[in-house]
Amino acid sequence: MTEKPGDSSVDAVIAAVIYEAAGTEIPASASFFDAGLTSETLIEVHVGLQRRLGRIFPVATLFKYPSRRALSRYFTHPTEAAVPMASPDTMVTAWTPQDRKELRARIRGRKR
């Protein structure tokens, strides 16, 4: 049986899939990486969640929502989870054409 994204047991499914992939339980608020999960393990979690939830989503979602609680919120309340996880001070802005031009010039200068 697949779980629906709005189902109240989504966190339990996430916890079960993490346990199957990593062999350990992690607290709901712990960062996947702080809890010892690796990128390889997260790929296994991604595959397992897609199978168990019956929903296709990008693997990058696990990096954007890096805890059970955040990921559960993403699946159950997608509009609430859309709030940026990082503060505006640490967010990376898009590169402008001028930025790219200056970077290419610096790289060319190093090669000489």
N, C-alpha and C. Protein backbone atom coordinates (compact mmCIF):
# COMPACT_ATOMS: atom_id res chain seq x y z
N MET A 1 0.84 -1.19 0.00
CA MET A 1 0.00 0.00 0.00
C MET A 1 0.88 1.25 0.00
N THR A 2 0.60 2.19 -0.88
CA THR A 2 1.38 3.42 -0.91
C THR A 2 0.70 4.47 -0.05
N GLU A 3 1.50 5.33 0.53
CA GLU A 3 0.98 6.40 1.38
C GLU A 3 0.67 7.61 0.52
N LYS A 4 -0.38 8.30 0.84
CA LYS A 4 -0.73 9.52 0.14
C LYS A 4 0.06 10.67 0.77
N PRO A 5 0.49 11.66 -0.05
CA PRO A 5 1.25 12.76 0.50
C PRO A 5 0.57 13.49 1.65
N GLY A 6 -0.75 13.54 1.72
CA GLY A 6 -1.45 14.22 2.79
C GLY A 6 -1.67 13.34 4.01
N ASP A 7 -1.28 12.08 3.95
CA ASP A 7 -1.48 11.12 5.03
C ASP A 7 -0.68 11.53 6.26
N SER A 8 -1.28 11.38 7.45
CA SER A 8 -0.60 11.77 8.68
C SER A 8 0.58 10.87 9.02
N SER A 9 0.70 9.73 8.36
CA SER A 9 1.80 8.81 8.66
C SER A 9 2.99 8.97 7.71
N VAL A 10 3.02 10.07 6.97
CA VAL A 10 4.14 10.29 6.04
C VAL A 10 5.47 10.28 6.78
N ASP A 11 5.54 10.90 7.96
CA ASP A 11 6.79 10.91 8.72
C ASP A 11 7.20 9.49 9.10
N ALA A 12 6.23 8.65 9.44
CA ALA A 12 6.55 7.26 9.78
C ALA A 12 7.12 6.52 8.57
N VAL A 13 6.60 6.81 7.39
CA VAL A 13 7.12 6.19 6.17
C VAL A 13 8.55 6.69 5.92
N ILE A 14 8.78 7.98 6.07
CA ILE A 14 10.12 8.54 5.89
C ILE A 14 11.09 7.88 6.87
N ALA A 15 10.69 7.77 8.13
CA ALA A 15 11.55 7.15 9.15
C ALA A 15 11.84 5.70 8.79
N ALA A 16 10.84 4.97 8.31
CA ALA A 16 11.03 3.56 7.95
C ALA A 16 11.98 3.41 6.77
N VAL A 17 11.83 4.26 5.77
CA VAL A 17 12.69 4.19 4.59
C VAL A 17 14.13 4.54 4.97
N ILE A 18 14.32 5.54 5.82
CA ILE A 18 15.67 5.89 6.29
C ILE A 18 16.27 4.71 7.05
N TYR A 19 15.48 4.08 7.90
CA TYR A 19 15.98 2.94 8.66
C TYR A 19 16.38 1.80 7.73
N GLU A 20 15.56 1.54 6.70
CA GLU A 20 15.89 0.48 5.74
C GLU A 20 17.19 0.79 4.99
N ALA A 21 17.39 2.06 4.64
CA ALA A 21 18.57 2.44 3.85
C ALA A 21 19.82 2.59 4.70
N ALA A 22 19.67 3.13 5.91
CA ALA A 22 20.84 3.46 6.74
C ALA A 22 21.04 2.53 7.93
N GLY A 23 20.00 1.80 8.29
CA GLY A 23 20.11 0.91 9.44
C GLY A 23 20.12 1.63 10.77
N THR A 24 19.62 2.85 10.79
CA THR A 24 19.59 3.62 12.02
C THR A 24 18.37 4.53 12.04
N GLU A 25 17.92 4.84 13.23
CA GLU A 25 16.83 5.80 13.38
C GLU A 25 17.44 7.18 13.62
N ILE A 26 16.80 8.20 13.07
CA ILE A 26 17.28 9.56 13.30
C ILE A 26 16.13 10.41 13.84
N PRO A 27 16.42 11.36 14.71
CA PRO A 27 15.38 12.25 15.23
C PRO A 27 14.74 13.06 14.10
N ALA A 28 13.48 13.43 14.28
CA ALA A 28 12.74 14.16 13.25
C ALA A 28 13.40 15.49 12.88
N SER A 29 14.03 16.14 13.83
CA SER A 29 14.60 17.47 13.55
C SER A 29 16.08 17.42 13.15
N ALA A 30 16.70 16.25 13.21
CA ALA A 30 18.13 16.15 12.89
C ALA A 30 18.37 16.25 11.39
N SER A 31 19.40 16.97 11.03
CA SER A 31 19.82 17.04 9.63
C SER A 31 20.28 15.65 9.19
N PHE A 32 19.94 15.27 7.97
CA PHE A 32 20.34 13.96 7.46
C PHE A 32 21.85 13.78 7.58
N PHE A 33 22.61 14.79 7.19
CA PHE A 33 24.07 14.67 7.21
C PHE A 33 24.62 14.68 8.63
N ASP A 34 24.05 15.51 9.51
CA ASP A 34 24.50 15.52 10.90
C ASP A 34 24.22 14.18 11.58
N ALA A 35 23.19 13.48 11.11
CA ALA A 35 22.83 12.18 11.67
C ALA A 35 23.67 11.05 11.07
N GLY A 36 24.56 11.40 10.14
CA GLY A 36 25.47 10.39 9.59
C GLY A 36 25.07 9.82 8.25
N LEU A 37 23.98 10.29 7.65
CA LEU A 37 23.61 9.78 6.34
C LEU A 37 24.54 10.37 5.29
N THR A 38 24.86 9.59 4.29
CA THR A 38 25.73 10.04 3.21
C THR A 38 24.89 10.34 1.97
N SER A 39 25.50 10.93 0.98
CA SER A 39 24.81 11.19 -0.29
C SER A 39 24.32 9.88 -0.90
N GLU A 40 25.14 8.86 -0.81
CA GLU A 40 24.76 7.55 -1.35
C GLU A 40 23.52 7.01 -0.64
N THR A 41 23.49 7.15 0.68
CA THR A 41 22.34 6.69 1.45
C THR A 41 21.09 7.49 1.07
N LEU A 42 21.26 8.79 0.85
CA LEU A 42 20.11 9.62 0.47
C LEU A 42 19.55 9.22 -0.89
N ILE A 43 20.40 8.73 -1.78
CA ILE A 43 19.91 8.23 -3.07
C ILE A 43 19.02 7.01 -2.83
N GLU A 44 19.44 6.13 -1.92
CA GLU A 44 18.62 4.96 -1.58
C GLU A 44 17.31 5.40 -0.93
N VAL A 45 17.38 6.40 -0.06
CA VAL A 45 16.17 6.93 0.58
C VAL A 45 15.24 7.50 -0.48
N HIS A 46 15.79 8.23 -1.43
CA HIS A 46 15.00 8.82 -2.51
C HIS A 46 14.23 7.75 -3.27
N VAL A 47 14.91 6.70 -3.67
CA VAL A 47 14.28 5.60 -4.41
C VAL A 47 13.18 4.96 -3.55
N GLY A 48 13.51 4.70 -2.29
CA GLY A 48 12.53 4.09 -1.39
C GLY A 48 11.31 4.95 -1.17
N LEU A 49 11.50 6.25 -1.01
CA LEU A 49 10.36 7.14 -0.79
C LEU A 49 9.49 7.23 -2.03
N GLN A 50 10.10 7.29 -3.19
CA GLN A 50 9.30 7.33 -4.42
C GLN A 50 8.43 6.07 -4.52
N ARG A 51 9.02 4.94 -4.18
CA ARG A 51 8.29 3.67 -4.25
C ARG A 51 7.18 3.64 -3.20
N ARG A 52 7.51 3.96 -1.95
CA ARG A 52 6.55 3.85 -0.85
C ARG A 52 5.46 4.92 -0.89
N LEU A 53 5.81 6.13 -1.32
CA LEU A 53 4.81 7.20 -1.37
C LEU A 53 4.06 7.22 -2.69
N GLY A 54 4.60 6.51 -3.69
CA GLY A 54 3.96 6.50 -5.00
C GLY A 54 4.00 7.87 -5.66
N ARG A 55 5.09 8.58 -5.42
CA ARG A 55 5.23 9.95 -5.93
C ARG A 55 6.65 10.15 -6.45
N ILE A 56 6.76 10.74 -7.62
CA ILE A 56 8.07 11.04 -8.20
C ILE A 56 8.44 12.47 -7.82
N PHE A 57 9.69 12.64 -7.35
CA PHE A 57 10.16 13.97 -6.97
C PHE A 57 11.68 13.98 -7.17
N PRO A 58 12.27 15.16 -7.38
CA PRO A 58 13.72 15.25 -7.61
C PRO A 58 14.51 14.87 -6.36
N VAL A 59 15.65 14.24 -6.56
CA VAL A 59 16.52 13.88 -5.43
C VAL A 59 16.97 15.13 -4.68
N ALA A 60 17.05 16.24 -5.36
CA ALA A 60 17.46 17.50 -4.72
C ALA A 60 16.52 17.91 -3.59
N THR A 61 15.30 17.38 -3.59
CA THR A 61 14.35 17.66 -2.53
C THR A 61 14.91 17.25 -1.17
N LEU A 62 15.68 16.16 -1.14
CA LEU A 62 16.27 15.68 0.12
C LEU A 62 17.35 16.63 0.63
N PHE A 63 17.92 17.41 -0.24
CA PHE A 63 18.95 18.37 0.17
C PHE A 63 18.30 19.72 0.52
N LYS A 64 17.18 20.02 -0.12
CA LYS A 64 16.47 21.26 0.15
C LYS A 64 15.71 21.17 1.48
N TYR A 65 15.21 19.99 1.79
CA TYR A 65 14.47 19.74 3.03
C TYR A 65 15.23 18.65 3.79
N PRO A 66 16.33 19.00 4.48
CA PRO A 66 17.31 18.03 4.99
C PRO A 66 17.03 17.39 6.35
N SER A 67 15.76 17.25 6.72
CA SER A 67 15.43 16.53 7.95
C SER A 67 14.10 15.82 7.72
N ARG A 68 13.81 14.86 8.58
CA ARG A 68 12.53 14.16 8.46
C ARG A 68 11.37 15.14 8.58
N ARG A 69 11.46 16.04 9.55
CA ARG A 69 10.37 17.00 9.77
C ARG A 69 10.16 17.89 8.55
N ALA A 70 11.24 18.43 8.00
CA ALA A 70 11.12 19.31 6.84
C ALA A 70 10.60 18.55 5.62
N LEU A 71 11.08 17.34 5.43
CA LEU A 71 10.65 16.54 4.29
C LEU A 71 9.19 16.14 4.43
N SER A 72 8.78 15.78 5.63
CA SER A 72 7.38 15.45 5.88
C SER A 72 6.48 16.64 5.60
N ARG A 73 6.92 17.82 6.03
CA ARG A 73 6.16 19.04 5.78
C ARG A 73 6.06 19.30 4.27
N TYR A 74 7.13 19.04 3.55
CA TYR A 74 7.13 19.21 2.09
C TYR A 74 6.05 18.33 1.46
N PHE A 75 5.96 17.07 1.89
CA PHE A 75 4.99 16.15 1.30
C PHE A 75 3.56 16.43 1.75
N THR A 76 3.37 16.89 2.96
CA THR A 76 2.01 17.09 3.47
C THR A 76 1.49 18.51 3.28
N HIS A 77 2.38 19.50 3.25
CA HIS A 77 1.98 20.89 3.08
C HIS A 77 2.95 21.59 2.14
N PRO A 78 2.91 21.27 0.85
CA PRO A 78 3.92 21.81 -0.08
C PRO A 78 4.02 23.33 -0.10
N THR A 79 2.92 24.05 0.10
CA THR A 79 3.01 25.51 0.05
C THR A 79 3.73 26.07 1.27
N GLU A 80 3.56 25.45 2.45
CA GLU A 80 4.27 25.90 3.65
C GLU A 80 5.75 25.59 3.56
N ALA A 81 6.09 24.44 2.98
CA ALA A 81 7.48 24.02 2.88
C ALA A 81 8.26 24.84 1.87
N ALA A 82 7.57 25.60 1.05
CA ALA A 82 8.24 26.38 0.02
C ALA A 82 9.02 27.56 0.59
N VAL A 83 8.86 27.84 1.87
CA VAL A 83 9.61 28.92 2.51
C VAL A 83 11.09 28.54 2.50
N PRO A 84 11.99 29.44 2.11
CA PRO A 84 13.41 29.11 2.05
C PRO A 84 13.93 28.62 3.39
N MET A 85 14.79 27.60 3.34
CA MET A 85 15.38 27.04 4.56
C MET A 85 16.55 27.89 5.06
N ALA A 86 17.18 28.66 4.18
CA ALA A 86 18.35 29.45 4.55
C ALA A 86 17.93 30.90 4.78
N SER A 87 18.73 31.59 5.54
CA SER A 87 18.45 33.01 5.74
C SER A 87 18.86 33.78 4.49
N PRO A 88 18.28 34.94 4.26
CA PRO A 88 18.65 35.72 3.08
C PRO A 88 20.14 36.05 3.01
N ASP A 89 20.81 36.10 4.16
CA ASP A 89 22.24 36.41 4.19
C ASP A 89 23.09 35.29 3.58
N THR A 90 22.60 34.05 3.68
CA THR A 90 23.40 32.92 3.21
C THR A 90 22.92 32.37 1.87
N MET A 91 21.84 32.92 1.34
CA MET A 91 21.32 32.40 0.07
C MET A 91 22.21 32.86 -1.08
N VAL A 92 22.39 31.98 -2.03
CA VAL A 92 23.19 32.28 -3.21
C VAL A 92 22.29 32.95 -4.25
N THR A 93 22.76 34.02 -4.82
CA THR A 93 21.98 34.70 -5.84
C THR A 93 22.41 34.21 -7.21
N ALA A 94 21.56 34.42 -8.19
CA ALA A 94 21.87 33.99 -9.55
C ALA A 94 22.99 34.83 -10.14
N TRP A 95 23.77 34.22 -11.00
CA TRP A 95 24.86 34.93 -11.66
C TRP A 95 24.30 35.77 -12.78
N THR A 96 24.76 37.00 -12.87
CA THR A 96 24.36 37.87 -13.97
C THR A 96 25.32 37.64 -15.14
N PRO A 97 24.94 38.05 -16.33
CA PRO A 97 25.86 37.92 -17.47
C PRO A 97 27.21 38.63 -17.20
N GLN A 98 27.17 39.75 -16.51
CA GLN A 98 28.41 40.47 -16.19
C GLN A 98 29.27 39.64 -15.24
N ASP A 99 28.66 38.97 -14.25
CA ASP A 99 29.40 38.10 -13.33
C ASP A 99 30.11 37.00 -14.10
N ARG A 100 29.40 36.37 -15.02
CA ARG A 100 29.99 35.27 -15.81
C ARG A 100 31.14 35.79 -16.69
N LYS A 101 30.95 36.98 -17.26
CA LYS A 101 32.00 37.57 -18.10
C LYS A 101 33.26 37.83 -17.28
N GLU A 102 33.09 38.38 -16.08
CA GLU A 102 34.24 38.66 -15.22
C GLU A 102 34.92 37.36 -14.77
N LEU A 103 34.16 36.35 -14.48
CA LEU A 103 34.74 35.06 -14.08
C LEU A 103 35.55 34.46 -15.23
N ARG A 104 35.00 34.50 -16.44
CA ARG A 104 35.74 33.97 -17.61
C ARG A 104 37.05 34.73 -17.79
N ALA A 105 37.02 36.03 -17.61
CA ALA A 105 38.24 36.85 -17.76
C ALA A 105 39.27 36.48 -16.71
N ARG A 106 38.84 36.25 -15.46
CA ARG A 106 39.77 35.85 -14.40
C ARG A 106 40.37 34.48 -14.70
N ILE A 107 39.56 33.56 -15.18
CA ILE A 107 40.06 32.21 -15.50
C ILE A 107 41.07 32.28 -16.63
N ARG A 108 40.76 33.07 -17.65
CA ARG A 108 41.70 33.24 -18.77
C ARG A 108 43.01 33.83 -18.28
N GLY A 109 42.95 34.77 -17.35
CA GLY A 109 44.14 35.41 -16.79
C GLY A 109 45.01 34.43 -16.04
N ARG A 110 44.45 33.44 -15.40
CA ARG A 110 45.21 32.44 -14.65
C ARG A 110 45.96 31.49 -15.59
N LYS A 111 45.41 31.25 -16.74
CA LYS A 111 46.01 30.29 -17.67
C LYS A 111 47.27 30.85 -18.32
N ARG A 112 47.44 32.14 -18.31
CA ARG A 112 48.59 32.76 -19.00
C ARG A 112 49.83 32.68 -18.19
